[in-house]
């Protein structure tokens, strides 16, 4: 078993008196040039419902909470640039895979330094059926899909709206992300069981990257 520890550190804020959690996250993201570049690139896909989430948001916020300034390129700790969108028509018409590939190619051309990963969350159940032979219900929305991700802290996405303003997708809230707390998201165990969460924590070794994290077991 991996071990967890807590150092009692309280979540930092953005320095603005009375700033809400959403304002804190927006400020951290807006001061992260590489993520703002990625958001501008992804918005050009013109998806009706989308966000960049998981690792990119986690990395931007936790780097800021550890007092590290962001640059034009992401730190080495960032893996994929995870872009998710929701288009039920692609799943219904059976061309979700080719659509994902095309979107990834377009984004890669637009911003070559990023390692883009693009997933239509409306078709995730199709992937489970084909790749794993597992029947899971389809998601009804982007928010429901984001709420199923393995750790509560990473069930957060950001996107740029038509007015060039940052918006959040945070169906499970922002407490864990801003408190540097990592715990298993048990809301959808059929897709992500606790064993998968444990394996992720062993592999990722996040506390080596962000020593102020608190990792929790069940």
N, C-alpha and C. Protein backbone atom coordinates (compact mmCIF):
# COMPACT_ATOMS: atom_id res chain seq x y z
N UNK A 1 0.84 -1.20 0.00
CA UNK A 1 0.00 0.00 0.00
C UNK A 1 0.88 1.26 0.00
N UNK A 2 0.43 2.26 -0.71
CA UNK A 2 1.13 3.53 -0.62
C UNK A 2 0.76 4.21 0.67
N UNK A 3 1.62 5.07 1.15
CA UNK A 3 1.36 5.76 2.42
C UNK A 3 0.89 7.17 2.15
N UNK A 4 0.18 7.72 3.10
CA UNK A 4 -0.28 9.09 2.96
C UNK A 4 0.24 9.90 4.13
N UNK A 5 0.31 11.19 3.91
CA UNK A 5 0.76 12.05 5.00
C UNK A 5 0.08 13.39 4.85
N UNK A 6 -0.02 14.11 5.92
CA UNK A 6 -0.60 15.45 5.92
C UNK A 6 0.31 16.36 6.71
N UNK A 7 0.56 17.55 6.19
CA UNK A 7 1.45 18.46 6.90
C UNK A 7 0.71 19.65 7.48
N UNK A 8 -0.62 19.63 7.36
CA UNK A 8 -1.41 20.67 7.99
C UNK A 8 -1.46 21.98 7.23
N UNK A 9 -0.86 22.04 6.06
CA UNK A 9 -0.87 23.27 5.29
C UNK A 9 -2.28 23.63 4.86
N UNK A 10 -2.62 24.90 4.97
CA UNK A 10 -3.92 25.39 4.52
C UNK A 10 -3.81 25.87 3.07
N UNK A 11 -4.88 25.72 2.34
CA UNK A 11 -4.88 26.17 0.95
C UNK A 11 -4.62 27.67 0.86
N UNK A 12 -3.77 28.07 -0.06
CA UNK A 12 -3.48 29.48 -0.27
C UNK A 12 -4.62 30.12 -1.05
N UNK A 13 -4.66 31.44 -1.02
CA UNK A 13 -5.62 32.15 -1.86
C UNK A 13 -4.85 33.07 -2.79
N UNK A 14 -5.57 33.77 -3.62
CA UNK A 14 -4.91 34.54 -4.68
C UNK A 14 -4.51 35.94 -4.24
N UNK A 15 -4.67 36.25 -2.97
CA UNK A 15 -4.28 37.55 -2.47
C UNK A 15 -5.37 38.59 -2.53
N UNK A 16 -6.49 38.30 -3.15
CA UNK A 16 -7.59 39.24 -3.24
C UNK A 16 -8.53 39.03 -2.06
N UNK A 17 -8.76 40.06 -1.24
CA UNK A 17 -9.65 39.89 -0.09
C UNK A 17 -11.02 39.38 -0.51
N UNK A 18 -11.48 38.32 0.13
CA UNK A 18 -12.80 37.78 -0.13
C UNK A 18 -12.91 37.00 -1.43
N UNK A 19 -11.79 36.66 -2.05
CA UNK A 19 -11.85 35.92 -3.32
C UNK A 19 -12.51 34.57 -3.12
N UNK A 20 -13.43 34.24 -4.00
CA UNK A 20 -14.08 32.94 -3.93
C UNK A 20 -13.13 31.87 -4.48
N UNK A 21 -13.48 30.62 -4.26
CA UNK A 21 -12.66 29.54 -4.78
C UNK A 21 -12.57 29.61 -6.31
N UNK A 22 -13.70 29.87 -6.96
CA UNK A 22 -13.69 29.97 -8.42
C UNK A 22 -12.77 31.09 -8.89
N UNK A 23 -12.80 32.21 -8.20
CA UNK A 23 -11.93 33.33 -8.56
C UNK A 23 -10.47 32.96 -8.37
N UNK A 24 -10.17 32.20 -7.32
CA UNK A 24 -8.80 31.76 -7.09
C UNK A 24 -8.31 30.90 -8.25
N UNK A 25 -9.12 29.93 -8.65
CA UNK A 25 -8.71 29.03 -9.73
C UNK A 25 -8.57 29.82 -11.04
N UNK A 26 -9.51 30.70 -11.31
CA UNK A 26 -9.42 31.50 -12.53
C UNK A 26 -8.14 32.34 -12.54
N UNK A 27 -7.79 32.87 -11.40
CA UNK A 27 -6.58 33.69 -11.32
C UNK A 27 -5.34 32.84 -11.57
N UNK A 28 -5.27 31.67 -10.96
CA UNK A 28 -4.13 30.79 -11.18
C UNK A 28 -4.01 30.43 -12.66
N UNK A 29 -5.14 30.09 -13.27
CA UNK A 29 -5.12 29.70 -14.68
C UNK A 29 -4.73 30.88 -15.57
N UNK A 30 -5.29 32.04 -15.29
CA UNK A 30 -4.99 33.21 -16.12
C UNK A 30 -3.54 33.63 -16.03
N UNK A 31 -2.86 33.23 -14.95
CA UNK A 31 -1.43 33.53 -14.79
C UNK A 31 -0.56 32.34 -15.20
N UNK A 32 -1.12 31.42 -15.95
CA UNK A 32 -0.38 30.27 -16.46
C UNK A 32 -0.36 30.35 -17.98
N UNK A 33 0.67 30.95 -18.57
CA UNK A 33 0.67 31.21 -20.02
C UNK A 33 0.47 29.97 -20.87
N UNK A 34 1.11 28.85 -20.54
CA UNK A 34 0.98 27.66 -21.38
C UNK A 34 -0.45 27.14 -21.41
N UNK A 35 -1.16 27.25 -20.28
CA UNK A 35 -2.53 26.77 -20.25
C UNK A 35 -3.46 27.73 -21.00
N UNK A 36 -3.21 29.01 -20.89
CA UNK A 36 -4.02 29.98 -21.64
C UNK A 36 -3.83 29.79 -23.15
N UNK A 37 -2.60 29.47 -23.58
CA UNK A 37 -2.37 29.18 -24.99
C UNK A 37 -3.18 27.96 -25.43
N UNK A 38 -3.17 26.93 -24.60
CA UNK A 38 -3.90 25.71 -24.93
C UNK A 38 -5.40 25.96 -24.97
N UNK A 39 -5.91 26.75 -24.07
CA UNK A 39 -7.33 27.07 -24.05
C UNK A 39 -7.73 27.84 -25.31
N UNK A 40 -6.90 28.79 -25.72
CA UNK A 40 -7.20 29.55 -26.93
C UNK A 40 -7.19 28.64 -28.16
N UNK A 41 -6.27 27.67 -28.18
CA UNK A 41 -6.22 26.74 -29.30
C UNK A 41 -7.45 25.84 -29.32
N UNK A 42 -7.84 25.34 -28.17
CA UNK A 42 -8.98 24.42 -28.10
C UNK A 42 -10.29 25.12 -28.42
N UNK A 43 -10.42 26.37 -28.06
CA UNK A 43 -11.67 27.09 -28.34
C UNK A 43 -11.94 27.18 -29.83
N UNK A 44 -10.90 27.16 -30.64
CA UNK A 44 -11.07 27.25 -32.09
C UNK A 44 -11.77 26.03 -32.68
N UNK A 45 -11.88 24.95 -31.89
CA UNK A 45 -12.61 23.78 -32.38
C UNK A 45 -14.12 24.03 -32.41
N UNK A 46 -14.57 25.06 -31.74
CA UNK A 46 -15.98 25.47 -31.76
C UNK A 46 -16.92 24.39 -31.23
N UNK A 47 -16.47 23.60 -30.25
CA UNK A 47 -17.37 22.65 -29.60
C UNK A 47 -18.38 23.40 -28.75
N UNK A 48 -19.59 22.90 -28.67
CA UNK A 48 -20.62 23.54 -27.86
C UNK A 48 -20.35 23.34 -26.37
N UNK A 49 -19.78 22.20 -26.01
CA UNK A 49 -19.53 21.88 -24.61
C UNK A 49 -18.16 21.22 -24.51
N UNK A 50 -17.21 21.87 -23.83
CA UNK A 50 -15.84 21.36 -23.79
C UNK A 50 -15.09 21.96 -22.61
N UNK A 51 -13.93 21.39 -22.33
CA UNK A 51 -13.02 21.97 -21.36
C UNK A 51 -11.67 21.28 -21.45
N UNK A 52 -10.65 21.94 -20.96
CA UNK A 52 -9.37 21.29 -20.68
C UNK A 52 -9.38 20.98 -19.20
N UNK A 53 -9.09 19.74 -18.85
CA UNK A 53 -9.24 19.37 -17.45
C UNK A 53 -8.15 18.46 -16.95
N UNK A 54 -8.44 17.88 -15.78
CA UNK A 54 -7.58 16.88 -15.16
C UNK A 54 -6.17 17.42 -14.94
N UNK A 55 -5.16 16.79 -15.59
CA UNK A 55 -3.76 17.10 -15.30
C UNK A 55 -3.36 18.54 -15.53
N UNK A 56 -3.87 19.16 -16.58
CA UNK A 56 -3.46 20.53 -16.89
C UNK A 56 -3.91 21.50 -15.80
N UNK A 57 -5.15 21.38 -15.36
CA UNK A 57 -5.65 22.26 -14.30
C UNK A 57 -4.96 21.95 -12.98
N UNK A 58 -4.87 20.68 -12.67
CA UNK A 58 -4.18 20.26 -11.44
C UNK A 58 -2.75 20.81 -11.40
N UNK A 59 -2.03 20.65 -12.49
CA UNK A 59 -0.65 21.11 -12.55
C UNK A 59 -0.56 22.62 -12.37
N UNK A 60 -1.40 23.37 -13.07
CA UNK A 60 -1.36 24.83 -12.97
C UNK A 60 -1.64 25.30 -11.55
N UNK A 61 -2.66 24.73 -10.93
CA UNK A 61 -3.05 25.18 -9.59
C UNK A 61 -2.03 24.75 -8.55
N UNK A 62 -1.61 23.51 -8.59
CA UNK A 62 -0.67 23.03 -7.57
C UNK A 62 0.71 23.66 -7.72
N UNK A 63 1.13 23.96 -8.94
CA UNK A 63 2.37 24.69 -9.11
C UNK A 63 2.27 26.07 -8.45
N UNK A 64 1.15 26.76 -8.68
CA UNK A 64 0.95 28.07 -8.08
C UNK A 64 0.90 27.99 -6.56
N UNK A 65 0.22 26.98 -6.03
CA UNK A 65 0.12 26.83 -4.57
C UNK A 65 1.46 26.46 -3.93
N UNK A 66 2.38 25.97 -4.72
CA UNK A 66 3.73 25.70 -4.23
C UNK A 66 4.69 26.85 -4.54
N UNK A 67 4.14 27.98 -4.97
CA UNK A 67 4.94 29.18 -5.15
C UNK A 67 5.82 29.19 -6.38
N UNK A 68 5.47 28.39 -7.39
CA UNK A 68 6.29 28.32 -8.59
C UNK A 68 5.66 29.13 -9.72
N UNK A 69 6.43 29.99 -10.31
CA UNK A 69 5.92 30.83 -11.40
C UNK A 69 5.77 30.01 -12.67
N UNK A 70 4.71 30.26 -13.41
CA UNK A 70 4.45 29.55 -14.66
C UNK A 70 5.15 30.25 -15.82
N UNK A 71 5.54 29.45 -16.82
CA UNK A 71 6.19 30.01 -17.99
C UNK A 71 5.39 29.78 -19.25
N UNK A 72 6.02 30.03 -20.38
CA UNK A 72 5.34 29.85 -21.67
C UNK A 72 5.11 28.39 -21.99
N UNK A 73 5.98 27.52 -21.46
CA UNK A 73 5.84 26.09 -21.67
C UNK A 73 5.55 25.41 -20.33
N UNK A 74 4.82 24.31 -20.35
CA UNK A 74 4.46 23.65 -19.09
C UNK A 74 5.66 23.00 -18.44
N UNK A 75 5.59 22.77 -17.13
CA UNK A 75 6.66 22.05 -16.46
C UNK A 75 6.68 20.59 -16.88
N UNK A 76 7.77 19.92 -16.57
CA UNK A 76 7.93 18.53 -16.98
C UNK A 76 6.87 17.61 -16.37
N UNK A 77 6.25 18.05 -15.27
CA UNK A 77 5.27 17.21 -14.59
C UNK A 77 3.98 17.05 -15.39
N UNK A 78 3.76 17.90 -16.39
CA UNK A 78 2.54 17.76 -17.19
C UNK A 78 2.71 16.68 -18.23
N UNK A 79 1.77 15.75 -18.26
CA UNK A 79 1.77 14.73 -19.29
C UNK A 79 0.93 15.18 -20.46
N UNK A 80 -0.23 14.56 -20.62
CA UNK A 80 -1.12 14.92 -21.72
C UNK A 80 -1.86 16.22 -21.43
N UNK A 81 -2.18 16.92 -22.50
CA UNK A 81 -3.10 18.05 -22.43
C UNK A 81 -4.48 17.47 -22.72
N UNK A 82 -5.24 17.21 -21.67
CA UNK A 82 -6.52 16.52 -21.81
C UNK A 82 -7.64 17.48 -22.18
N UNK A 83 -8.16 17.31 -23.38
CA UNK A 83 -9.31 18.09 -23.84
C UNK A 83 -10.49 17.14 -23.94
N UNK A 84 -11.58 17.52 -23.32
CA UNK A 84 -12.79 16.71 -23.40
C UNK A 84 -13.93 17.57 -23.93
N UNK A 85 -14.81 16.94 -24.68
CA UNK A 85 -15.97 17.65 -25.19
C UNK A 85 -17.15 16.69 -25.18
N UNK A 86 -18.32 17.23 -25.44
CA UNK A 86 -19.53 16.40 -25.40
C UNK A 86 -20.34 16.64 -26.66
N UNK A 87 -20.39 15.61 -27.51
CA UNK A 87 -21.16 15.69 -28.76
C UNK A 87 -21.84 14.34 -28.96
N UNK A 88 -23.10 14.24 -28.56
CA UNK A 88 -23.83 12.97 -28.64
C UNK A 88 -24.05 12.53 -30.08
N UNK A 89 -24.12 13.46 -31.01
CA UNK A 89 -24.36 13.08 -32.41
C UNK A 89 -23.23 12.23 -32.95
N UNK A 90 -21.99 12.53 -32.58
CA UNK A 90 -20.86 11.74 -33.05
C UNK A 90 -20.97 10.29 -32.59
N UNK A 91 -21.41 10.10 -31.35
CA UNK A 91 -21.58 8.74 -30.83
C UNK A 91 -22.72 8.03 -31.54
N UNK A 92 -23.81 8.74 -31.72
CA UNK A 92 -24.99 8.14 -32.37
C UNK A 92 -24.71 7.77 -33.82
N UNK A 93 -23.92 8.59 -34.51
CA UNK A 93 -23.64 8.37 -35.93
C UNK A 93 -22.41 7.49 -36.15
N UNK A 94 -21.70 7.16 -35.07
CA UNK A 94 -20.61 6.22 -35.16
C UNK A 94 -19.29 6.75 -35.69
N UNK A 95 -19.13 8.07 -35.73
CA UNK A 95 -17.86 8.61 -36.24
C UNK A 95 -17.08 9.35 -35.16
N UNK A 96 -17.31 8.99 -33.92
CA UNK A 96 -16.64 9.66 -32.81
C UNK A 96 -15.13 9.44 -32.84
N UNK A 97 -14.69 8.25 -33.25
CA UNK A 97 -13.25 7.98 -33.26
C UNK A 97 -12.52 8.84 -34.29
N UNK A 98 -13.05 8.90 -35.50
CA UNK A 98 -12.41 9.72 -36.53
C UNK A 98 -12.47 11.20 -36.16
N UNK A 99 -13.55 11.61 -35.51
CA UNK A 99 -13.67 13.01 -35.09
C UNK A 99 -12.63 13.36 -34.04
N UNK A 100 -12.39 12.44 -33.13
CA UNK A 100 -11.37 12.68 -32.10
C UNK A 100 -9.98 12.78 -32.72
N UNK A 101 -9.70 11.89 -33.66
CA UNK A 101 -8.39 11.89 -34.32
C UNK A 101 -8.18 13.20 -35.08
N UNK A 102 -9.20 13.64 -35.81
CA UNK A 102 -9.09 14.88 -36.57
C UNK A 102 -8.87 16.07 -35.64
N UNK A 103 -9.63 16.12 -34.54
CA UNK A 103 -9.48 17.23 -33.60
C UNK A 103 -8.08 17.25 -33.00
N UNK A 104 -7.58 16.07 -32.67
CA UNK A 104 -6.22 16.00 -32.10
C UNK A 104 -5.20 16.50 -33.11
N UNK A 105 -5.32 16.11 -34.36
CA UNK A 105 -4.40 16.56 -35.39
C UNK A 105 -4.45 18.07 -35.56
N UNK A 106 -5.64 18.63 -35.54
CA UNK A 106 -5.79 20.07 -35.69
C UNK A 106 -5.17 20.81 -34.52
N UNK A 107 -5.38 20.31 -33.33
CA UNK A 107 -4.80 20.95 -32.15
C UNK A 107 -3.28 20.81 -32.15
N UNK A 108 -2.78 19.66 -32.57
CA UNK A 108 -1.34 19.45 -32.61
C UNK A 108 -0.67 20.41 -33.59
N UNK A 109 -1.33 20.67 -34.70
CA UNK A 109 -0.80 21.63 -35.67
C UNK A 109 -0.83 23.05 -35.10
N UNK A 110 -1.86 23.33 -34.35
CA UNK A 110 -2.05 24.66 -33.80
C UNK A 110 -1.08 24.95 -32.66
N UNK A 111 -0.80 23.94 -31.85
CA UNK A 111 0.08 24.12 -30.69
C UNK A 111 0.95 22.87 -30.55
N UNK A 112 2.05 22.81 -31.30
CA UNK A 112 2.82 21.56 -31.41
C UNK A 112 3.50 21.10 -30.13
N UNK A 113 3.80 22.00 -29.20
CA UNK A 113 4.53 21.58 -28.01
C UNK A 113 3.66 20.76 -27.06
N UNK A 114 2.35 20.85 -27.17
CA UNK A 114 1.45 20.12 -26.27
C UNK A 114 1.26 18.68 -26.74
N UNK A 115 1.11 17.77 -25.79
CA UNK A 115 0.80 16.38 -26.12
C UNK A 115 -0.71 16.20 -25.93
N UNK A 116 -1.44 16.47 -26.99
CA UNK A 116 -2.89 16.54 -26.92
C UNK A 116 -3.53 15.16 -26.78
N UNK A 117 -4.51 15.09 -25.92
CA UNK A 117 -5.38 13.92 -25.81
C UNK A 117 -6.82 14.44 -25.89
N UNK A 118 -7.58 13.94 -26.85
CA UNK A 118 -8.93 14.46 -27.10
C UNK A 118 -9.94 13.33 -26.97
N UNK A 119 -10.96 13.54 -26.16
CA UNK A 119 -11.97 12.51 -25.93
C UNK A 119 -13.37 13.12 -25.94
N UNK A 120 -14.24 12.56 -26.75
CA UNK A 120 -15.65 12.92 -26.72
C UNK A 120 -16.31 12.12 -25.60
N UNK A 121 -16.68 12.79 -24.53
CA UNK A 121 -17.22 12.09 -23.37
C UNK A 121 -18.59 11.47 -23.64
N UNK A 122 -19.25 11.91 -24.68
CA UNK A 122 -20.54 11.30 -25.04
C UNK A 122 -20.36 9.91 -25.63
N UNK A 123 -19.11 9.56 -25.99
CA UNK A 123 -18.84 8.26 -26.61
C UNK A 123 -18.01 7.34 -25.71
N UNK A 124 -17.77 7.73 -24.47
CA UNK A 124 -16.94 6.91 -23.58
C UNK A 124 -17.53 5.52 -23.38
N UNK A 125 -18.85 5.44 -23.32
CA UNK A 125 -19.47 4.13 -23.14
C UNK A 125 -19.24 3.23 -24.36
N UNK A 126 -19.12 3.85 -25.53
CA UNK A 126 -18.80 3.07 -26.74
C UNK A 126 -17.39 2.49 -26.63
N UNK A 127 -16.47 3.29 -26.11
CA UNK A 127 -15.10 2.80 -25.94
C UNK A 127 -15.05 1.64 -24.95
N UNK A 128 -15.77 1.76 -23.83
CA UNK A 128 -15.80 0.69 -22.84
C UNK A 128 -16.34 -0.61 -23.46
N UNK A 129 -17.37 -0.48 -24.27
CA UNK A 129 -17.96 -1.66 -24.90
C UNK A 129 -16.99 -2.31 -25.89
N UNK A 130 -16.30 -1.49 -26.67
CA UNK A 130 -15.40 -2.03 -27.68
C UNK A 130 -14.07 -2.48 -27.13
N UNK A 131 -13.48 -1.69 -26.23
CA UNK A 131 -12.13 -1.99 -25.75
C UNK A 131 -12.11 -2.96 -24.58
N UNK A 132 -13.14 -2.91 -23.74
CA UNK A 132 -13.14 -3.73 -22.53
C UNK A 132 -14.27 -4.75 -22.48
N UNK A 133 -15.18 -4.67 -23.43
CA UNK A 133 -16.33 -5.55 -23.39
C UNK A 133 -17.19 -5.30 -22.17
N UNK A 134 -17.19 -4.07 -21.70
CA UNK A 134 -17.90 -3.71 -20.47
C UNK A 134 -19.04 -2.75 -20.79
N UNK A 135 -20.22 -3.06 -20.29
CA UNK A 135 -21.37 -2.20 -20.51
C UNK A 135 -21.48 -1.18 -19.39
N UNK A 136 -21.36 0.08 -19.74
CA UNK A 136 -21.55 1.17 -18.78
C UNK A 136 -22.55 2.15 -19.39
N UNK A 137 -23.32 2.85 -18.58
CA UNK A 137 -24.29 3.79 -19.14
C UNK A 137 -23.60 5.00 -19.76
N UNK A 138 -24.19 5.58 -20.78
CA UNK A 138 -23.60 6.79 -21.38
C UNK A 138 -23.74 7.97 -20.44
N UNK A 139 -22.82 8.87 -20.55
CA UNK A 139 -22.92 10.12 -19.80
C UNK A 139 -24.00 11.00 -20.44
N UNK A 140 -24.66 11.78 -19.61
CA UNK A 140 -25.70 12.67 -20.11
C UNK A 140 -25.19 14.08 -20.39
N UNK A 141 -23.99 14.39 -19.90
CA UNK A 141 -23.46 15.74 -20.06
C UNK A 141 -21.96 15.73 -19.80
N UNK A 142 -21.31 16.80 -20.18
CA UNK A 142 -19.88 16.95 -19.89
C UNK A 142 -19.64 16.97 -18.39
N UNK A 143 -20.51 17.65 -17.65
CA UNK A 143 -20.35 17.75 -16.20
C UNK A 143 -20.41 16.38 -15.54
N UNK A 144 -21.32 15.52 -15.99
CA UNK A 144 -21.41 14.18 -15.42
C UNK A 144 -20.14 13.39 -15.72
N UNK A 145 -19.59 13.56 -16.89
CA UNK A 145 -18.36 12.86 -17.25
C UNK A 145 -17.19 13.32 -16.38
N UNK A 146 -17.03 14.63 -16.23
CA UNK A 146 -15.94 15.17 -15.42
C UNK A 146 -16.07 14.68 -13.97
N UNK A 147 -17.30 14.53 -13.51
CA UNK A 147 -17.54 14.08 -12.13
C UNK A 147 -17.14 12.64 -11.90
N UNK A 148 -16.82 11.90 -12.96
CA UNK A 148 -16.48 10.48 -12.82
C UNK A 148 -14.98 10.23 -12.75
N UNK A 149 -14.16 11.25 -12.88
CA UNK A 149 -12.70 11.05 -12.96
C UNK A 149 -12.14 10.53 -11.64
N UNK A 150 -10.98 9.89 -11.64
CA UNK A 150 -10.53 9.08 -10.49
C UNK A 150 -10.33 9.81 -9.17
N UNK A 151 -9.85 11.06 -9.21
CA UNK A 151 -9.60 11.79 -7.96
C UNK A 151 -10.50 13.02 -7.89
N UNK A 152 -11.03 13.29 -6.72
CA UNK A 152 -11.93 14.43 -6.56
C UNK A 152 -11.23 15.73 -6.99
N UNK A 153 -9.98 15.88 -6.63
CA UNK A 153 -9.25 17.11 -6.91
C UNK A 153 -9.10 17.39 -8.39
N UNK A 154 -9.11 16.33 -9.20
CA UNK A 154 -8.91 16.53 -10.63
C UNK A 154 -10.20 16.51 -11.43
N UNK A 155 -11.34 16.48 -10.77
CA UNK A 155 -12.63 16.58 -11.45
C UNK A 155 -12.96 18.05 -11.71
N UNK A 156 -12.04 18.71 -12.39
CA UNK A 156 -12.16 20.15 -12.64
C UNK A 156 -11.68 20.43 -14.06
N UNK A 157 -12.44 21.24 -14.77
CA UNK A 157 -12.04 21.67 -16.10
C UNK A 157 -12.21 23.17 -16.25
N UNK A 158 -11.53 23.73 -17.24
CA UNK A 158 -11.67 25.16 -17.54
C UNK A 158 -11.84 25.34 -19.04
N UNK A 159 -12.53 26.38 -19.43
CA UNK A 159 -12.67 26.70 -20.84
C UNK A 159 -12.84 28.20 -21.02
N UNK A 160 -12.60 28.66 -22.23
CA UNK A 160 -12.81 30.06 -22.59
C UNK A 160 -14.15 30.19 -23.29
N UNK A 161 -14.99 31.11 -22.83
CA UNK A 161 -16.27 31.30 -23.48
C UNK A 161 -16.14 32.30 -24.64
N UNK A 162 -17.25 32.60 -25.27
CA UNK A 162 -17.24 33.47 -26.45
C UNK A 162 -16.78 34.89 -26.13
N UNK A 163 -16.86 35.27 -24.86
CA UNK A 163 -16.42 36.61 -24.44
C UNK A 163 -14.97 36.61 -23.97
N UNK A 164 -14.28 35.49 -24.19
CA UNK A 164 -12.87 35.36 -23.80
C UNK A 164 -12.71 35.33 -22.28
N UNK A 165 -13.73 34.87 -21.59
CA UNK A 165 -13.68 34.77 -20.14
C UNK A 165 -13.52 33.32 -19.72
N UNK A 166 -12.75 33.10 -18.66
CA UNK A 166 -12.53 31.76 -18.14
C UNK A 166 -13.76 31.27 -17.39
N UNK A 167 -14.20 30.06 -17.72
CA UNK A 167 -15.30 29.43 -17.03
C UNK A 167 -14.83 28.07 -16.49
N UNK A 168 -15.48 27.61 -15.44
CA UNK A 168 -15.08 26.38 -14.78
C UNK A 168 -16.14 25.30 -14.94
N UNK A 169 -15.68 24.06 -15.00
CA UNK A 169 -16.54 22.88 -14.90
C UNK A 169 -16.04 22.14 -13.66
N UNK A 170 -16.77 22.24 -12.57
CA UNK A 170 -16.31 21.67 -11.30
C UNK A 170 -17.49 21.02 -10.57
N UNK A 171 -17.99 19.89 -11.07
CA UNK A 171 -19.19 19.28 -10.51
C UNK A 171 -19.02 18.78 -9.07
N UNK A 172 -17.80 18.54 -8.64
CA UNK A 172 -17.56 18.09 -7.26
C UNK A 172 -16.95 19.20 -6.40
N UNK A 173 -16.94 20.41 -6.92
CA UNK A 173 -16.42 21.53 -6.16
C UNK A 173 -14.91 21.68 -6.30
N UNK A 174 -14.37 22.66 -5.58
CA UNK A 174 -12.96 23.02 -5.69
C UNK A 174 -12.20 22.84 -4.38
N UNK A 175 -12.87 22.34 -3.36
CA UNK A 175 -12.23 22.20 -2.05
C UNK A 175 -10.94 21.40 -2.12
N UNK A 176 -11.00 20.20 -2.69
CA UNK A 176 -9.84 19.32 -2.70
C UNK A 176 -8.70 19.90 -3.51
N UNK A 177 -9.01 20.45 -4.67
CA UNK A 177 -7.97 21.03 -5.52
C UNK A 177 -7.21 22.12 -4.78
N UNK A 178 -7.92 23.03 -4.13
CA UNK A 178 -7.28 24.16 -3.47
C UNK A 178 -6.69 23.80 -2.12
N UNK A 179 -7.16 22.73 -1.52
CA UNK A 179 -6.62 22.29 -0.23
C UNK A 179 -5.44 21.34 -0.41
N UNK A 180 -5.03 21.07 -1.65
CA UNK A 180 -3.93 20.15 -1.93
C UNK A 180 -4.22 18.77 -1.35
N UNK A 181 -5.47 18.37 -1.51
CA UNK A 181 -5.93 17.09 -0.95
C UNK A 181 -6.26 16.13 -2.10
N UNK A 182 -5.75 14.91 -2.01
CA UNK A 182 -5.97 13.90 -3.04
C UNK A 182 -6.70 12.72 -2.42
N UNK A 183 -7.89 12.42 -2.94
CA UNK A 183 -8.65 11.28 -2.44
C UNK A 183 -9.44 10.66 -3.59
N UNK A 184 -9.76 9.40 -3.38
CA UNK A 184 -10.48 8.62 -4.38
C UNK A 184 -11.89 9.16 -4.59
N UNK A 185 -12.29 9.25 -5.85
CA UNK A 185 -13.65 9.63 -6.20
C UNK A 185 -14.46 8.36 -6.37
N UNK A 186 -15.30 8.06 -5.40
CA UNK A 186 -16.05 6.80 -5.38
C UNK A 186 -17.40 6.90 -6.07
N UNK A 187 -17.64 7.96 -6.82
CA UNK A 187 -18.97 8.17 -7.40
C UNK A 187 -19.28 7.23 -8.57
N UNK A 188 -18.26 6.66 -9.20
CA UNK A 188 -18.49 5.81 -10.37
C UNK A 188 -17.53 4.62 -10.34
N UNK A 189 -17.67 3.72 -9.35
CA UNK A 189 -16.71 2.61 -9.18
C UNK A 189 -16.74 1.60 -10.32
N UNK A 190 -17.81 1.54 -11.10
CA UNK A 190 -17.84 0.62 -12.23
C UNK A 190 -16.82 1.01 -13.29
N UNK A 191 -16.57 2.31 -13.42
CA UNK A 191 -15.58 2.76 -14.39
C UNK A 191 -14.19 2.82 -13.76
N UNK A 192 -14.10 3.36 -12.57
CA UNK A 192 -12.79 3.53 -11.91
C UNK A 192 -12.89 3.00 -10.49
N UNK A 193 -12.38 1.82 -10.27
CA UNK A 193 -12.37 1.24 -8.93
C UNK A 193 -11.23 1.77 -8.10
N UNK A 194 -11.27 1.48 -6.81
CA UNK A 194 -10.24 1.98 -5.90
C UNK A 194 -8.86 1.42 -6.25
N UNK A 195 -8.81 0.20 -6.76
CA UNK A 195 -7.52 -0.39 -7.14
C UNK A 195 -6.85 0.44 -8.24
N UNK A 196 -7.66 0.98 -9.15
CA UNK A 196 -7.11 1.83 -10.21
C UNK A 196 -6.55 3.12 -9.60
N UNK A 197 -7.27 3.67 -8.66
CA UNK A 197 -6.79 4.87 -7.97
C UNK A 197 -5.46 4.60 -7.27
N UNK A 198 -5.38 3.50 -6.55
CA UNK A 198 -4.13 3.15 -5.86
C UNK A 198 -2.97 3.00 -6.84
N UNK A 199 -3.24 2.35 -7.95
CA UNK A 199 -2.19 2.15 -8.95
C UNK A 199 -1.73 3.49 -9.53
N UNK A 200 -2.68 4.39 -9.75
CA UNK A 200 -2.33 5.72 -10.25
C UNK A 200 -1.44 6.46 -9.26
N UNK A 201 -1.76 6.37 -7.98
CA UNK A 201 -0.96 7.07 -6.98
C UNK A 201 0.45 6.51 -6.89
N UNK A 202 0.57 5.21 -7.00
CA UNK A 202 1.91 4.60 -6.97
C UNK A 202 2.73 5.05 -8.18
N UNK A 203 2.08 5.06 -9.33
CA UNK A 203 2.79 5.38 -10.56
C UNK A 203 3.15 6.86 -10.66
N UNK A 204 2.26 7.73 -10.25
CA UNK A 204 2.44 9.15 -10.47
C UNK A 204 3.36 9.81 -9.45
N UNK A 205 3.39 9.30 -8.23
CA UNK A 205 4.31 9.85 -7.21
C UNK A 205 4.16 11.37 -7.10
N UNK A 206 2.94 11.82 -6.97
CA UNK A 206 2.69 13.26 -6.97
C UNK A 206 3.36 14.00 -5.83
N UNK A 207 3.54 13.34 -4.68
CA UNK A 207 4.15 14.05 -3.55
C UNK A 207 5.62 14.40 -3.81
N UNK A 208 6.26 13.72 -4.73
CA UNK A 208 7.62 14.11 -5.10
C UNK A 208 7.61 15.41 -5.88
N UNK A 209 6.55 15.63 -6.63
CA UNK A 209 6.42 16.86 -7.41
C UNK A 209 5.87 18.00 -6.57
N UNK A 210 4.89 17.68 -5.74
CA UNK A 210 4.22 18.68 -4.92
C UNK A 210 4.20 18.18 -3.47
N UNK A 211 5.24 18.45 -2.70
CA UNK A 211 5.42 17.85 -1.37
C UNK A 211 4.35 18.24 -0.35
N UNK A 212 3.60 19.30 -0.62
CA UNK A 212 2.58 19.72 0.35
C UNK A 212 1.25 19.00 0.16
N UNK A 213 1.18 18.06 -0.74
CA UNK A 213 -0.05 17.32 -0.95
C UNK A 213 -0.36 16.41 0.25
N UNK A 214 -1.65 16.23 0.46
CA UNK A 214 -2.14 15.25 1.42
C UNK A 214 -2.85 14.15 0.64
N UNK A 215 -2.31 12.94 0.70
CA UNK A 215 -2.93 11.81 0.02
C UNK A 215 -3.73 10.99 1.00
N UNK A 216 -4.98 10.74 0.63
CA UNK A 216 -5.88 10.01 1.52
C UNK A 216 -6.30 8.68 0.92
N UNK A 217 -6.38 7.67 1.77
CA UNK A 217 -6.97 6.39 1.38
C UNK A 217 -8.47 6.47 1.64
N UNK A 218 -9.18 5.35 1.50
CA UNK A 218 -10.62 5.33 1.76
C UNK A 218 -10.92 5.68 3.21
